[in-house]
Amino acid sequence: MPFVPVRKPRKLPRKVITQSFDLEYGSDTLELHEDAISPGDKLVIHDDVLATGGTAQAVCKMVESLGGQIVQCNFIMKLDFLDGAKKLGSHPIYAAVSY
């Protein structure tokens, strides 16, 4: 399966979809190429840290809006005390380290 980047606004070269989300200190927006995912594609989401869950939730929303199916969300570190996993609903989560 190919690598599908999700980036901050105006970093990707083709037509994109966007998703805004709240942070503990404000808000932000992410973009994804609108032709990167086809209905029925199965994807694994990879990110460095699961904190409040806003970034991962935004990525999941974009993937699902294009018809993709999320198999699992992977993180290097999960900060349990911030409860970010709640925002990911029933998506399976793996973290190499949890604090």
N, C-alpha and C. Protein backbone atom coordinates (compact mmCIF):
# COMPACT_ATOMS: atom_id res chain seq x y z
N MET A 1 0.85 -1.17 0.00
CA MET A 1 0.00 0.00 0.00
C MET A 1 0.90 1.24 0.00
N PRO A 2 0.48 2.27 -0.68
CA PRO A 2 1.28 3.50 -0.74
C PRO A 2 1.21 4.30 0.56
N PHE A 3 2.17 5.18 0.71
CA PHE A 3 2.21 6.13 1.82
C PHE A 3 1.34 7.32 1.45
N VAL A 4 0.46 7.74 2.34
CA VAL A 4 -0.44 8.87 2.10
C VAL A 4 -0.13 9.95 3.14
N PRO A 5 0.51 11.05 2.75
CA PRO A 5 0.84 12.09 3.72
C PRO A 5 -0.36 12.96 4.09
N VAL A 6 -0.41 13.36 5.33
CA VAL A 6 -1.36 14.35 5.83
C VAL A 6 -0.51 15.49 6.35
N ARG A 7 -0.78 16.70 5.88
CA ARG A 7 0.11 17.82 6.19
C ARG A 7 -0.67 19.06 6.62
N LYS A 8 0.08 20.03 7.10
CA LYS A 8 -0.47 21.35 7.41
C LYS A 8 -0.88 22.01 6.09
N PRO A 9 -1.73 23.04 6.13
CA PRO A 9 -2.22 23.69 4.91
C PRO A 9 -1.10 24.20 3.99
N ARG A 10 -1.37 24.08 2.70
CA ARG A 10 -0.51 24.58 1.62
C ARG A 10 0.83 23.88 1.49
N LYS A 11 0.93 22.65 1.98
CA LYS A 11 2.17 21.88 1.85
C LYS A 11 2.07 20.79 0.77
N LEU A 12 0.85 20.43 0.39
CA LEU A 12 0.64 19.37 -0.59
C LEU A 12 0.37 19.98 -1.97
N PRO A 13 0.88 19.36 -3.04
CA PRO A 13 0.82 19.99 -4.36
C PRO A 13 -0.50 19.85 -5.14
N ARG A 14 -1.32 18.84 -4.83
CA ARG A 14 -2.54 18.64 -5.61
C ARG A 14 -3.77 19.09 -4.82
N LYS A 15 -4.94 18.89 -5.43
CA LYS A 15 -6.20 19.26 -4.79
C LYS A 15 -6.38 18.45 -3.51
N VAL A 16 -6.82 19.12 -2.44
CA VAL A 16 -6.89 18.49 -1.12
C VAL A 16 -8.28 18.63 -0.50
N ILE A 17 -8.51 17.79 0.51
CA ILE A 17 -9.63 18.00 1.43
C ILE A 17 -9.01 18.50 2.72
N THR A 18 -9.77 19.23 3.51
CA THR A 18 -9.25 19.77 4.76
C THR A 18 -10.12 19.36 5.94
N GLN A 19 -9.51 19.34 7.10
CA GLN A 19 -10.23 19.05 8.33
C GLN A 19 -9.63 19.91 9.43
N SER A 20 -10.47 20.72 10.05
CA SER A 20 -10.04 21.52 11.20
C SER A 20 -10.36 20.77 12.48
N PHE A 21 -9.61 21.07 13.52
CA PHE A 21 -9.82 20.40 14.80
C PHE A 21 -9.33 21.29 15.92
N ASP A 22 -9.83 21.03 17.12
CA ASP A 22 -9.46 21.82 18.29
C ASP A 22 -8.25 21.21 18.99
N LEU A 23 -7.41 22.08 19.46
CA LEU A 23 -6.27 21.71 20.29
C LEU A 23 -6.53 22.22 21.70
N GLU A 24 -5.72 21.79 22.65
CA GLU A 24 -5.91 22.28 24.02
C GLU A 24 -5.65 23.77 24.12
N TYR A 25 -4.98 24.35 23.14
CA TYR A 25 -4.61 25.77 23.18
C TYR A 25 -5.09 26.55 21.95
N GLY A 26 -5.99 26.00 21.16
CA GLY A 26 -6.48 26.69 19.96
C GLY A 26 -7.08 25.73 18.98
N SER A 27 -6.81 25.95 17.69
CA SER A 27 -7.29 25.05 16.65
C SER A 27 -6.24 24.95 15.55
N ASP A 28 -6.41 23.96 14.68
CA ASP A 28 -5.48 23.75 13.58
C ASP A 28 -6.23 23.09 12.43
N THR A 29 -5.56 22.94 11.30
CA THR A 29 -6.15 22.34 10.12
C THR A 29 -5.14 21.41 9.48
N LEU A 30 -5.63 20.28 8.96
CA LEU A 30 -4.80 19.34 8.23
C LEU A 30 -5.37 19.16 6.82
N GLU A 31 -4.51 18.74 5.89
CA GLU A 31 -4.94 18.49 4.52
C GLU A 31 -4.46 17.12 4.05
N LEU A 32 -5.23 16.56 3.10
CA LEU A 32 -4.98 15.25 2.53
C LEU A 32 -5.35 15.32 1.06
N HIS A 33 -4.54 14.77 0.16
CA HIS A 33 -4.90 14.75 -1.26
C HIS A 33 -6.24 14.04 -1.43
N GLU A 34 -7.14 14.68 -2.15
CA GLU A 34 -8.48 14.11 -2.29
C GLU A 34 -8.51 12.84 -3.12
N ASP A 35 -7.47 12.59 -3.92
CA ASP A 35 -7.43 11.38 -4.75
C ASP A 35 -6.51 10.30 -4.16
N ALA A 36 -6.08 10.47 -2.92
CA ALA A 36 -5.12 9.54 -2.31
C ALA A 36 -5.76 8.26 -1.80
N ILE A 37 -7.06 8.30 -1.53
CA ILE A 37 -7.76 7.17 -0.94
C ILE A 37 -9.01 6.89 -1.75
N SER A 38 -9.24 5.62 -2.04
CA SER A 38 -10.43 5.20 -2.77
C SER A 38 -11.37 4.46 -1.82
N PRO A 39 -12.66 4.47 -2.10
CA PRO A 39 -13.59 3.73 -1.25
C PRO A 39 -13.15 2.27 -1.11
N GLY A 40 -13.16 1.81 0.14
CA GLY A 40 -12.78 0.43 0.42
C GLY A 40 -11.32 0.23 0.75
N ASP A 41 -10.47 1.23 0.50
CA ASP A 41 -9.06 1.12 0.87
C ASP A 41 -8.94 0.92 2.38
N LYS A 42 -8.05 0.04 2.78
CA LYS A 42 -7.80 -0.21 4.20
C LYS A 42 -6.51 0.50 4.58
N LEU A 43 -6.56 1.28 5.66
CA LEU A 43 -5.41 2.10 6.06
C LEU A 43 -5.05 1.92 7.52
N VAL A 44 -3.75 2.11 7.79
CA VAL A 44 -3.23 2.18 9.15
C VAL A 44 -2.74 3.61 9.32
N ILE A 45 -3.19 4.27 10.37
CA ILE A 45 -2.78 5.64 10.68
C ILE A 45 -1.56 5.57 11.60
N HIS A 46 -0.51 6.31 11.24
CA HIS A 46 0.71 6.37 12.06
C HIS A 46 0.96 7.81 12.49
N ASP A 47 1.22 8.03 13.77
CA ASP A 47 1.57 9.35 14.28
C ASP A 47 2.52 9.17 15.45
N ASP A 48 3.19 10.24 15.82
CA ASP A 48 4.17 10.10 16.89
C ASP A 48 3.54 10.00 18.28
N VAL A 49 2.63 10.93 18.61
CA VAL A 49 2.08 10.98 19.97
C VAL A 49 0.56 11.08 19.92
N LEU A 50 -0.10 10.29 20.75
CA LEU A 50 -1.54 10.44 20.98
C LEU A 50 -1.69 11.16 22.31
N ALA A 51 -2.08 12.43 22.23
CA ALA A 51 -2.26 13.24 23.44
C ALA A 51 -3.77 13.46 23.64
N THR A 52 -4.29 14.58 23.18
CA THR A 52 -5.72 14.86 23.35
C THR A 52 -6.57 14.19 22.26
N GLY A 53 -5.93 13.70 21.21
CA GLY A 53 -6.65 12.96 20.18
C GLY A 53 -7.17 13.76 19.01
N GLY A 54 -7.03 15.08 19.04
CA GLY A 54 -7.59 15.92 17.98
C GLY A 54 -6.98 15.68 16.61
N THR A 55 -5.67 15.54 16.54
CA THR A 55 -5.00 15.32 15.26
C THR A 55 -5.41 13.97 14.66
N ALA A 56 -5.34 12.92 15.45
CA ALA A 56 -5.69 11.59 14.96
C ALA A 56 -7.17 11.52 14.57
N GLN A 57 -8.03 12.16 15.33
CA GLN A 57 -9.45 12.18 15.01
C GLN A 57 -9.68 12.88 13.67
N ALA A 58 -8.99 13.98 13.44
CA ALA A 58 -9.12 14.71 12.17
C ALA A 58 -8.69 13.85 10.99
N VAL A 59 -7.58 13.13 11.15
CA VAL A 59 -7.11 12.23 10.08
C VAL A 59 -8.14 11.13 9.83
N CYS A 60 -8.66 10.54 10.89
CA CYS A 60 -9.68 9.49 10.73
C CYS A 60 -10.90 10.01 9.99
N LYS A 61 -11.34 11.21 10.32
CA LYS A 61 -12.51 11.80 9.64
C LYS A 61 -12.25 11.98 8.15
N MET A 62 -11.05 12.46 7.79
CA MET A 62 -10.74 12.66 6.38
C MET A 62 -10.69 11.33 5.63
N VAL A 63 -10.02 10.34 6.23
CA VAL A 63 -9.93 9.02 5.60
C VAL A 63 -11.32 8.44 5.37
N GLU A 64 -12.15 8.50 6.38
CA GLU A 64 -13.49 7.93 6.27
C GLU A 64 -14.37 8.72 5.32
N SER A 65 -14.16 10.03 5.21
CA SER A 65 -14.96 10.83 4.28
C SER A 65 -14.67 10.46 2.83
N LEU A 66 -13.48 9.89 2.58
CA LEU A 66 -13.11 9.44 1.23
C LEU A 66 -13.46 7.97 1.02
N GLY A 67 -14.03 7.33 2.02
CA GLY A 67 -14.44 5.93 1.89
C GLY A 67 -13.42 4.93 2.37
N GLY A 68 -12.32 5.41 2.97
CA GLY A 68 -11.30 4.50 3.49
C GLY A 68 -11.74 3.86 4.79
N GLN A 69 -11.19 2.68 5.06
CA GLN A 69 -11.47 1.94 6.29
C GLN A 69 -10.21 1.91 7.15
N ILE A 70 -10.32 2.35 8.37
CA ILE A 70 -9.17 2.40 9.26
C ILE A 70 -9.03 1.07 9.98
N VAL A 71 -7.89 0.42 9.77
CA VAL A 71 -7.61 -0.87 10.38
C VAL A 71 -7.07 -0.69 11.80
N GLN A 72 -6.20 0.31 11.98
CA GLN A 72 -5.59 0.55 13.28
C GLN A 72 -4.95 1.93 13.30
N CYS A 73 -4.82 2.50 14.49
CA CYS A 73 -4.10 3.76 14.70
C CYS A 73 -2.88 3.45 15.55
N ASN A 74 -1.68 3.74 15.03
CA ASN A 74 -0.43 3.45 15.72
C ASN A 74 0.26 4.73 16.19
N PHE A 75 0.86 4.67 17.36
CA PHE A 75 1.57 5.81 17.93
C PHE A 75 2.85 5.32 18.59
N ILE A 76 3.85 6.16 18.61
CA ILE A 76 5.06 5.83 19.34
C ILE A 76 4.76 5.94 20.84
N MET A 77 4.04 7.02 21.23
CA MET A 77 3.74 7.26 22.63
C MET A 77 2.28 7.67 22.79
N LYS A 78 1.66 7.17 23.85
CA LYS A 78 0.28 7.56 24.20
C LYS A 78 0.30 8.13 25.60
N LEU A 79 -0.25 9.33 25.75
CA LEU A 79 -0.33 9.98 27.06
C LEU A 79 -1.71 9.67 27.65
N ASP A 80 -1.78 8.61 28.45
CA ASP A 80 -3.05 8.10 28.96
C ASP A 80 -3.85 9.13 29.74
N PHE A 81 -3.18 10.00 30.49
CA PHE A 81 -3.87 10.95 31.35
C PHE A 81 -4.64 12.02 30.57
N LEU A 82 -4.43 12.13 29.26
CA LEU A 82 -5.16 13.11 28.45
C LEU A 82 -6.38 12.51 27.73
N ASP A 83 -6.58 11.20 27.83
CA ASP A 83 -7.77 10.52 27.31
C ASP A 83 -8.01 10.72 25.81
N GLY A 84 -6.97 10.91 25.02
CA GLY A 84 -7.13 11.10 23.58
C GLY A 84 -7.73 9.92 22.86
N ALA A 85 -7.56 8.73 23.42
CA ALA A 85 -8.10 7.52 22.79
C ALA A 85 -9.62 7.58 22.66
N LYS A 86 -10.28 8.29 23.55
CA LYS A 86 -11.74 8.41 23.50
C LYS A 86 -12.21 9.03 22.19
N LYS A 87 -11.42 9.95 21.62
CA LYS A 87 -11.81 10.61 20.37
C LYS A 87 -11.70 9.69 19.16
N LEU A 88 -11.04 8.56 19.33
CA LEU A 88 -10.87 7.64 18.21
C LEU A 88 -11.92 6.54 18.17
N GLY A 89 -12.88 6.63 19.07
CA GLY A 89 -14.00 5.70 19.06
C GLY A 89 -13.57 4.25 19.13
N SER A 90 -14.08 3.46 18.20
CA SER A 90 -13.81 2.02 18.22
C SER A 90 -12.58 1.61 17.41
N HIS A 91 -11.85 2.57 16.86
CA HIS A 91 -10.65 2.22 16.09
C HIS A 91 -9.61 1.59 17.01
N PRO A 92 -9.05 0.45 16.61
CA PRO A 92 -7.99 -0.16 17.42
C PRO A 92 -6.78 0.76 17.52
N ILE A 93 -6.17 0.80 18.70
CA ILE A 93 -5.03 1.69 18.95
C ILE A 93 -3.85 0.85 19.46
N TYR A 94 -2.68 1.16 18.93
CA TYR A 94 -1.44 0.57 19.44
C TYR A 94 -0.47 1.70 19.75
N ALA A 95 0.19 1.61 20.89
CA ALA A 95 1.25 2.56 21.24
C ALA A 95 2.43 1.78 21.78
N ALA A 96 3.64 2.11 21.32
CA ALA A 96 4.84 1.43 21.80
C ALA A 96 5.08 1.73 23.27
N VAL A 97 4.75 2.96 23.70
CA VAL A 97 4.95 3.38 25.08
C VAL A 97 3.71 4.14 25.53
N SER A 98 3.24 3.86 26.73
CA SER A 98 2.12 4.61 27.32
C SER A 98 2.55 5.20 28.65
N TYR A 99 2.18 6.46 28.85
CA TYR A 99 2.46 7.15 30.12
C TYR A 99 1.18 7.56 30.77
